[in-house]
Amino acid sequence: MAREVVWAESASDDLAELASYIAKDSEFYAAAVVRELIEAARSLDLFAERGRIVPEYSDAAIRELLVRDYRLVYHVGEAAIHVLRIVHGARHLPADAPLAR
């Protein structure tokens, strides 16, 4: 069953910030990374459970896909998948901070 993929404002902001940062060196590479992240998120409509459980949360509903150097963090719900954050793979998510949906 296909589910709707919804982007949280925090994830949209993360995507815009990383695109801007990467574009300082290469607009081509920035566009490629953004395109891959968007495609990865779109693919969650049918295959959301394939991502690993985010180690900082140990919650089976909070998962992530690794796309290049980035972690695409999302919540698996019954009716929708919520893309919550996009963070660099070298960064950790704060264990005590709730993720906005």
Foldseek 3Di string as FASTA:
>chain_A
DFAAEAEDPQAVVQLVVQLVVVVVPPNVVSVVQSVQLVVVSNVCRPPVQPFDAQVLAPDSQWGWDDRPQWTFIWGDDPHYIYGFHIDGNVDHDHSPDDTDD
